[in-house]
Every structure is written in structure tokens, then in C-alpha cells.
Protein backbone atom coordinates (compact mmCIF):
# COMPACT_ATOMS: atom_id res chain seq x y z
CA MET A 1 -10.18 78.87 66.89
CA LEU A 2 -9.93 79.33 70.64
CA THR A 3 -13.46 80.76 70.68
CA ALA A 4 -14.76 77.21 68.51
CA ILE A 5 -12.69 75.31 70.43
CA ARG A 6 -14.70 76.87 73.88
CA TRP A 7 -17.83 76.28 72.01
CA ARG A 8 -17.12 72.60 71.13
CA CYS A 9 -15.93 71.70 74.93
CA SER A 10 -19.44 73.76 76.36
CA ALA A 11 -21.25 71.27 73.82
CA ASP A 12 -19.70 68.16 74.80
CA SER A 13 -20.65 69.39 78.92
CA ALA A 14 -24.17 70.29 78.14
CA SER A 15 -24.69 66.83 75.89
CA VAL A 16 -23.34 64.42 78.40
CA TRP A 17 -25.36 66.49 81.44
CA CYS A 18 -28.76 66.07 79.23
CA ARG A 19 -28.10 61.99 78.39
CA LYS A 20 -26.83 61.59 82.12
CA SER A 21 -28.42 63.65 84.62
CA LEU A 22 -31.93 64.37 83.12
CA PRO A 23 -33.12 60.61 83.17
CA SER A 24 -31.78 60.00 86.56
CA SER A 25 -33.39 63.54 87.83
CA CYS A 26 -36.41 62.12 86.46
CA SER A 27 -36.40 59.06 87.82
CA TRP A 28 -35.67 60.14 91.30
CA SER A 29 -38.06 62.90 90.93
CA CYS A 30 -41.27 60.31 90.10
CA GLY A 31 -39.51 57.52 92.71
CA LEU A 32 -39.90 60.22 95.89
CA ILE A 33 -43.73 61.14 94.55
CA GLY A 34 -44.60 57.96 94.28
CA THR A 35 -43.08 57.36 97.78
CA VAL A 36 -45.00 60.23 99.31
CA THR A 37 -48.51 59.13 97.49
CA VAL A 38 -47.94 55.31 99.09
CA ARG A 39 -47.16 56.80 102.06
CA GLN A 40 -50.14 59.18 102.73
CA SER A 41 -52.20 56.41 100.91
CA GLN A 42 -51.45 53.98 103.55
CA ASN A 43 -51.76 56.23 106.35
CA THR A 44 -55.56 57.09 104.94
CA LEU A 45 -56.30 53.34 104.65
CA ARG A 46 -55.14 52.44 107.99
CA GLU A 47 -57.26 55.28 109.27
CA GLN A 48 -59.97 53.77 107.65
CA ILE A 49 -59.41 50.43 108.72
CA ILE A 50 -59.65 51.82 112.43
CA ALA A 51 -62.67 53.85 111.78
CA ASN A 52 -64.15 50.94 110.35
CA ASN A 53 -63.38 48.00 113.62
CA LEU A 54 -64.64 50.86 115.90
CA ALA A 55 -67.67 50.82 114.14
CA SER A 56 -67.90 47.18 114.30
CA VAL A 57 -67.23 46.92 118.36
CA ASP A 58 -69.51 49.68 118.86
CA LEU A 59 -72.36 47.67 116.77
CA ALA A 60 -71.55 44.52 118.80
CA ALA A 61 -71.92 46.77 122.35
CA GLU A 62 -75.28 47.63 121.03
CA LEU A 63 -76.24 44.40 120.25
CA ALA A 64 -75.38 43.67 123.92
CA HIS A 65 -77.42 46.76 125.11
CA ARG A 66 -80.31 45.68 123.14
CA TYR A 67 -80.30 42.02 124.23
CA ILE A 68 -80.05 42.61 127.99
CA GLU A 69 -82.66 45.75 127.89
CA GLY A 70 -85.22 42.91 126.17
CA THR A 71 -84.92 40.56 128.73
CA GLN A 72 -85.09 43.07 131.24
CA ILE A 73 -88.18 45.11 130.19
CA ALA A 74 -89.95 41.30 129.69
CA VAL A 75 -88.49 40.75 133.58
CA ARG A 76 -90.28 43.88 134.53
CA LEU A 77 -93.43 43.46 133.08
CA PHE A 78 -93.85 40.16 134.58
CA ALA A 79 -93.05 41.08 137.86
CA ARG A 80 -95.99 44.00 137.70
CA SER A 81 -98.15 41.55 136.65
CA PRO A 82 -101.49 41.51 138.50
CA PHE A 83 -101.12 37.91 139.16
CA ILE A 84 -97.29 38.01 140.28
CA GLU A 85 -98.60 41.19 142.69
CA GLN A 86 -101.36 39.30 144.10
CA SER A 87 -99.12 36.40 144.78
CA VAL A 88 -96.52 38.41 146.76
CA PHE A 89 -99.23 41.00 148.64
CA SER A 90 -101.34 37.60 149.99
CA GLY A 91 -98.11 35.96 150.88
CA ASN A 92 -99.28 33.03 148.90
CA PHE A 93 -96.08 32.58 146.73
CA SER A 94 -96.39 28.99 145.78
CA ARG A 95 -99.33 29.93 144.05
CA ALA A 96 -97.33 31.83 141.66
CA THR A 97 -94.94 28.46 140.51
CA PRO A 98 -97.32 27.83 137.56
CA GLU A 99 -96.57 31.40 136.10
CA LEU A 100 -92.96 31.05 136.77
CA GLN A 101 -92.77 27.65 134.81
CA GLU A 102 -93.96 29.19 132.11
CA PHE A 103 -92.11 32.34 131.97
CA LEU A 104 -89.12 30.53 131.80
CA ARG A 105 -90.50 28.41 128.96
CA LEU A 106 -91.44 31.30 127.11
CA ASN A 107 -87.86 33.52 127.67
CA PRO A 108 -85.40 31.36 126.58
CA ARG A 109 -82.77 33.86 127.31
CA VAL A 110 -83.81 33.46 131.16
CA ASN A 111 -82.23 30.54 133.13
CA GLY A 112 -83.63 30.21 136.78
CA CYS A 113 -86.80 32.45 137.88
CA SER A 114 -87.83 32.87 141.47
CA LEU A 115 -89.89 34.94 143.87
CA ILE A 116 -88.32 36.26 147.53
CA ASP A 117 -89.94 37.15 150.32
CA SER A 118 -88.82 40.71 152.26
CA ASN A 119 -86.98 38.64 154.60
CA GLY A 120 -84.51 37.09 152.33
CA PHE A 121 -86.39 33.65 152.07
CA TYR A 122 -87.27 31.99 148.78
CA ARG A 123 -90.81 30.81 148.60
CA ALA A 124 -91.59 29.69 145.00
CA THR A 125 -89.06 28.82 142.03
CA GLY A 126 -90.22 27.69 138.19
CA THR A 127 -86.76 25.93 138.01
CA THR A 128 -86.08 22.03 138.12
CA PRO A 129 -84.93 20.98 140.67
CA ALA A 130 -86.73 24.05 142.53
CA ILE A 131 -85.25 25.52 145.48
CA SER A 132 -86.01 24.18 148.79
CA PRO A 133 -88.42 27.14 150.36
CA GLY A 134 -86.84 28.45 153.19
CA ASN A 135 -83.50 28.76 151.62
CA SER A 136 -82.00 32.40 152.26
CA ALA A 137 -80.72 34.88 149.94
CA ARG A 138 -79.88 37.25 152.51
CA ASP A 139 -75.93 36.63 151.92
CA ARG A 140 -76.05 37.50 147.99
CA GLU A 141 -75.46 40.93 146.72
CA TRP A 142 -78.06 41.56 144.83
CA TYR A 143 -80.69 41.03 146.69
CA GLN A 144 -78.73 43.49 149.58
CA GLN A 145 -78.42 46.07 146.37
CA VAL A 146 -82.26 45.72 145.64
CA ILE A 147 -83.43 45.42 149.46
CA ALA A 148 -81.21 48.81 149.94
CA THR A 149 -82.23 50.98 146.82
CA GLY A 150 -85.77 49.65 146.17
CA LYS A 151 -84.57 49.69 142.70
CA ASP A 152 -84.15 46.70 140.02
CA TYR A 153 -80.72 45.45 140.26
CA LEU A 154 -77.96 43.47 137.46
CA GLY A 155 -75.66 41.53 139.18
CA LEU A 156 -72.77 40.31 139.38
CA PRO A 157 -72.19 37.08 136.70
CA THR A 158 -72.35 34.13 138.97
CA ILE A 159 -73.20 30.52 139.01
CA THR A 160 -76.88 29.83 139.77
CA ARG A 161 -77.99 27.56 142.92
CA SER A 162 -80.51 25.81 141.40
CA THR A 163 -78.92 24.76 137.80
CA ALA A 164 -75.40 25.67 138.54
CA ARG A 165 -75.25 27.43 135.47
CA PRO A 166 -73.88 30.66 134.79
CA VAL A 167 -76.06 33.64 134.77
CA VAL A 168 -76.01 37.52 135.35
CA PRO A 169 -78.76 37.86 137.84
CA TYR A 170 -81.23 40.44 137.51
CA VAL A 171 -83.50 41.35 140.00
CA VAL A 172 -86.71 43.59 140.43
CA PRO A 173 -88.57 44.82 143.79
CA ILE A 174 -91.88 44.17 143.97
CA LEU A 175 -93.62 47.26 145.89
CA ASN A 176 -97.09 48.12 147.47
CA SER A 177 -99.05 51.02 147.17
CA LYS A 178 -96.75 52.74 149.90
CA ALA A 179 -93.68 51.74 147.61
CA GLY A 180 -92.68 49.02 150.53
CA ILE A 181 -91.00 46.32 149.52
CA LYS A 182 -92.93 43.42 149.69
CA GLY A 183 -90.81 40.55 147.89
CA VAL A 184 -88.60 40.52 144.62
CA LEU A 185 -88.26 38.56 141.34
CA LEU A 186 -85.26 36.86 140.45
CA CYS A 187 -84.08 36.24 137.17
CA GLY A 188 -80.81 34.82 135.84
CA ILE A 189 -80.32 35.89 132.46
CA SER A 190 -78.33 33.18 130.80
CA LEU A 191 -74.66 33.48 129.87
CA ALA A 192 -75.02 30.37 127.60
CA ALA A 193 -77.89 32.18 125.58
CA LEU A 194 -76.19 35.32 125.72
CA ASN A 195 -72.75 34.23 124.00
CA ASP A 196 -74.61 32.29 121.57
CA ALA A 197 -76.19 35.77 120.56
CA PHE A 198 -72.77 37.30 120.84
CA ALA A 199 -71.19 34.84 118.83
CA LYS A 200 -73.01 35.26 115.72
CA PHE A 201 -71.24 38.79 115.41
CA GLN A 202 -68.26 37.92 114.04
CA THR A 203 -66.62 40.72 111.65
CA SER A 204 -64.17 38.61 110.06
CA PRO A 205 -62.78 34.58 110.09
CA SER A 206 -59.77 36.08 112.18
CA ALA A 207 -61.84 38.34 114.69
CA ARG A 208 -62.48 37.26 118.34
CA ALA A 209 -65.18 38.99 120.05
CA SER A 210 -65.77 39.13 123.89
CA LEU A 211 -68.14 40.49 126.45
CA THR A 212 -66.45 41.79 129.64
CA ASP A 213 -68.62 42.85 133.13
CA GLN A 214 -66.39 45.80 134.62
CA ARG A 215 -66.64 45.11 138.03
CA GLY A 216 -64.77 42.78 139.79
CA GLY A 217 -61.58 43.56 137.90
CA GLY A 218 -63.14 42.46 134.97
CA VAL A 219 -65.39 39.08 134.27
CA ILE A 220 -65.67 37.76 131.04
CA LEU A 221 -69.44 37.51 129.94
CA ALA A 222 -69.16 36.09 126.34
CA HIS A 223 -66.13 34.61 124.20
CA MET A 224 -65.43 32.28 121.56
CA ASP A 225 -64.35 30.05 123.84
CA ARG A 226 -67.09 29.00 126.43
CA GLY A 227 -64.33 27.91 129.04
CA ARG A 228 -63.70 31.22 129.86
CA ILE A 229 -67.08 32.31 130.99
CA LEU A 230 -67.04 33.54 134.15
CA LYS A 231 -63.39 33.49 134.13
CA SER A 232 -61.21 36.99 134.99
CA ALA A 233 -60.04 39.08 131.94
CA THR A 234 -56.27 37.38 131.75
CA GLY A 235 -53.32 38.99 129.71
CA ARG A 236 -54.21 42.12 130.94
CA ASN A 237 -52.73 44.93 128.72
CA LYS A 238 -53.21 48.71 127.71
CA ALA A 239 -56.19 47.77 125.56
CA VAL A 240 -58.25 45.73 128.88
CA ASP A 241 -57.44 48.22 130.88
CA ARG A 242 -58.78 50.91 129.22
CA MET A 243 -62.17 48.98 128.71
CA LEU A 244 -62.70 48.10 131.99
CA LYS A 245 -62.27 51.85 132.43
CA GLY A 246 -65.05 52.42 130.37
CA GLU A 247 -63.33 53.88 127.39
CA ARG A 248 -63.42 53.49 123.78
CA GLY A 249 -60.45 53.06 121.20
CA ALA A 250 -57.86 51.35 119.56
CA VAL A 251 -54.74 50.09 119.88
CA GLU A 252 -52.24 47.41 118.83
CA THR A 253 -51.24 44.99 121.77
CA THR A 254 -49.22 42.16 121.69
CA ASP A 255 -50.73 38.44 123.09
CA SER A 256 -49.19 35.99 125.43
CA ALA A 257 -47.76 34.21 122.54
CA GLY A 258 -46.04 37.32 121.04
CA GLU A 259 -48.36 37.94 118.43
CA LEU A 260 -49.75 41.33 117.41
CA ASN A 261 -52.75 42.44 117.59
CA LEU A 262 -55.54 45.06 116.79
CA ALA A 263 -57.34 45.37 119.53
CA VAL A 264 -61.22 47.98 119.54
CA TYR A 265 -62.80 48.37 122.75
CA SER A 266 -65.94 50.23 123.71
CA PRO A 267 -68.36 50.42 126.65
CA VAL A 268 -71.87 49.17 126.37
CA PRO A 269 -74.10 51.81 126.60
CA ASN A 270 -76.10 51.77 129.98
CA LEU A 271 -74.44 48.68 131.30
CA PRO A 272 -71.16 48.31 133.43
CA TRP A 273 -69.75 45.84 130.70
CA GLY A 274 -67.53 46.49 127.72
CA THR A 275 -66.68 44.73 124.03
CA MET A 276 -63.69 43.74 122.47
CA ILE A 277 -62.86 42.47 118.86
CA LEU A 278 -59.26 41.37 119.08
CA GLN A 279 -57.89 40.29 115.47
CA PRO A 280 -54.35 39.59 114.09
CA SER A 281 -52.51 42.94 112.86
CA GLU A 282 -51.74 41.13 109.68
CA ALA A 283 -55.16 40.38 109.12
CA ALA A 284 -56.47 43.12 110.03
CA PHE A 285 -53.95 45.12 108.05
CA ALA A 286 -54.08 42.87 104.95
CA PRO A 287 -55.64 45.61 102.61
CA ILE A 288 -52.65 48.06 102.94
CA TYR A 289 -50.01 45.44 102.75
CA LYS A 290 -51.97 44.35 99.50
CA ALA A 291 -51.64 47.99 98.37
CA ALA A 292 -48.73 48.91 99.31
CA ARG A 293 -47.44 46.04 96.76
CA GLN A 294 -49.65 47.27 93.89
CA SER A 295 -48.23 50.74 94.47
CA ILE A 296 -44.66 49.44 94.81
CA LEU A 297 -45.27 47.40 91.15
CA PHE A 298 -46.98 50.56 89.97
CA THR A 299 -44.06 53.33 91.50
CA ALA A 300 -41.78 50.86 89.39
CA LEU A 301 -43.48 51.10 86.27
CA CYS A 302 -43.86 54.73 86.45
CA LEU A 303 -39.34 54.91 87.22
CA VAL A 304 -39.16 52.75 83.95
CA PHE A 305 -41.71 54.65 81.68
CA SER A 306 -40.18 57.72 83.21
CA ALA A 307 -36.56 56.87 82.31
CA VAL A 308 -37.35 55.49 78.70
CA VAL A 309 -39.53 59.05 77.75
CA CYS A 310 -36.10 61.36 79.50
CA GLY A 311 -33.62 59.29 77.74
CA LEU A 312 -35.50 59.86 74.67
CA LEU A 313 -36.35 63.67 75.34
CA ALA A 314 -32.31 63.80 76.33
CA ARG A 315 -31.89 62.55 73.16
CA ARG A 316 -33.98 64.63 71.09
CA MET A 317 -32.48 68.00 73.11
CA THR A 318 -28.77 66.87 72.38
CA ARG A 319 -28.93 66.37 68.59
CA PRO A 320 -28.32 70.12 68.37
CA LEU A 321 -25.62 70.25 70.79
CA VAL A 322 -24.06 67.47 68.68
CA ARG A 323 -23.97 69.02 65.28
CA LEU A 324 -22.70 72.25 67.31
CA ARG A 325 -19.86 70.13 68.55
CA THR A 326 -19.39 68.57 65.00
CA ALA A 327 -19.21 71.89 63.65
CA ALA A 328 -17.21 73.38 65.81
CA GLY A 329 -14.75 70.71 65.74
CA ARG A 330 -14.44 71.36 61.91
CA LEU A 331 -14.25 75.31 62.32
CA ALA A 332 -11.25 74.13 64.91
CA ALA A 333 -9.85 72.21 62.02
CA GLY A 334 -9.84 75.47 59.64
CA ASP A 335 -13.06 74.84 57.49
CA VAL A 336 -14.34 78.23 57.70
CA ALA A 337 -16.75 77.45 54.94
CA ILE A 338 -19.63 75.18 57.68
CA ARG A 339 -22.57 76.38 58.04
CA MET A 340 -24.94 75.46 60.84
CA ASN A 341 -28.54 75.99 59.81
CA PHE A 342 -31.11 75.24 63.15
CA ILE A 343 -34.71 74.73 62.91
CA ARG A 344 -36.31 75.89 66.10
CA GLN A 345 -39.79 74.26 67.69
CA ASP A 346 -39.47 75.88 71.37
């Protein structure tokens, strides 16, 4: 009889454990697995989003490079054309005026085009209104650079004297057969045209792309807000500082309004420039938030399903225990004729 009582107690304990602990254990296990899976998926998706944004800013940098390279090639070919060289070598600069005007008409990327002699004086221009012959360019850094090196030079962004428009001066020396500088061709690469071309590159409605000259502490060349062209790169943060150093990367920063943004930056190949794409973190990582909501819903459904399945499994497992407990109770009461017939399926 004592043995029967012990059997009954053991059966009661096992039955209670199966019915209460087994479903909760299964639910906790499913929840833990779901949480780990969601976290790993979020990290993977975050890395993919950052990689995609870096690819976009690299593409923007390549666009700027190709734009400037194409313009420079056109200017160099024009500077080495026989008519321009003959005009400079003969000292009859003014005869090149119609050619300068035609070059400007055919090249909308260029704003202003002038010939300057080896003494630094303007001698011919295709710009209207024209710069008065005799005006000096010797105080300009681009003129000093090209005279010192004898090589073409992309100057610092500035405002043209003739049209008062923002440009990046590009200067090509015109050399004689002895590599002596007889004059220079000055062409201003229009920042307005560059900004229009750059504005077409937009990865998303909330993204803001910009192009900055890394020299002089950072001068904005292209921006969604045209009023910021030729302004200093303000709101200095880690992203701006790293871009001005010629680095490539991604970082989350806080703007002046306190909004968290994802900033990706990359140098422009073969130019002292850098590109940056700024996007609110909430918009940039929206796919993560959406995936997280879906994962939470899926995990909750899995928890409910596992709890139901484990509950049914627990009931199936405890049925023999309940029968055993009943039999043990009857045996303890003195019913020695009871028999237990278990059919095992495990």
C-alpha cells in the first residue's frame, strides 16, 4: 500500500510538470530562437543597407569625375587646336575671339573662356560682357599655379569677374616647341550646370547629395539648396571631417535640428573633391523596422502555435500517468484486483 501511495505521488508530480512546465519551456525556447534569428536578420539587413548606400555615393563620385574629366578633355583639345596656338604664338590674341565665343556656345558646361598672355594680362575673351584687355590675372592662384608648374590646373571655386557666376577655373598652358609658356587658356566650369547634373542623382526622396571641394576647409560645389554653393561646409561632424580627409565610409550623425542621419561619403577619383549622401536614419533603415515588425508578428504566432502543440503533447503524455494515479489510488484503497493495460507507441 505504501508503494501504491508513492506511485500516486510520483504520477501526480510528473503529470503536473508535463502539463505546466513543458508548454512554457517550449514557448521560451521558441521565443529565444526567434529573438536571436530576428537580431541576426536585422544586423545582416543593416549591413546590406549601408553597403547599398556606399555603392550609391561611389556612383555619385564617379559621375562627378566623369563630368569634370569630359569638360577638361574638351578644354585641352581646344587649347591645342592650331587656330588657338597660332593666335597666341603670333601675339594676335583678338583674332581668337570668335573661336572662344563658338566654344562657349557648343559647351554649356563652361561659363567664361579667355586667353591670357605669359605676363598675366587678359588678351581675348568669348564672354559677354567681355573682360577689358589689359586686366591682370597675376593675383589669381590658378594663374600662379599654371605658370609655376607648366601644367594644366583645376583651381579653387570662385566667382567669375565677367559674369559674377560660380565656377571652378580650369587653366591650360599653351606651350611653344621649347615647352615655354606663351599664354594660357582659362575656362570656368559652371557650377550651376554641374549642380543641375548632380541634382539628377537622387537615391531616394529623403536623400540629400552634395559635392564638396576638400581644399580651403571645404567649399560646397553642388547641393540641393543652390544658395549653399560656394559656402563653407558647415555643421562639421565626423562624416564631414572624414570626407574632407579623402576617406570613404558611413556613419550616423546628428544634424543641427537634432535629427539622426545616415551619412555616406566617398572621394571623387583624381580630384580634390568629395561626395556625401545624407539621409534620415528613420528613412534609411525603414526596411529594418518593417522586417522587425513582421518578425515579431511571426514569432508571436510561432509562440502561440508551439504552446498549443506542446499543450496537446503534454496531455497525450500525461494520460497514462493519470490512469496510473487512478489505479494507484484504488490499490491504496485495497482494490487488489485492478489491472493496468498500457499500449506503448514510443
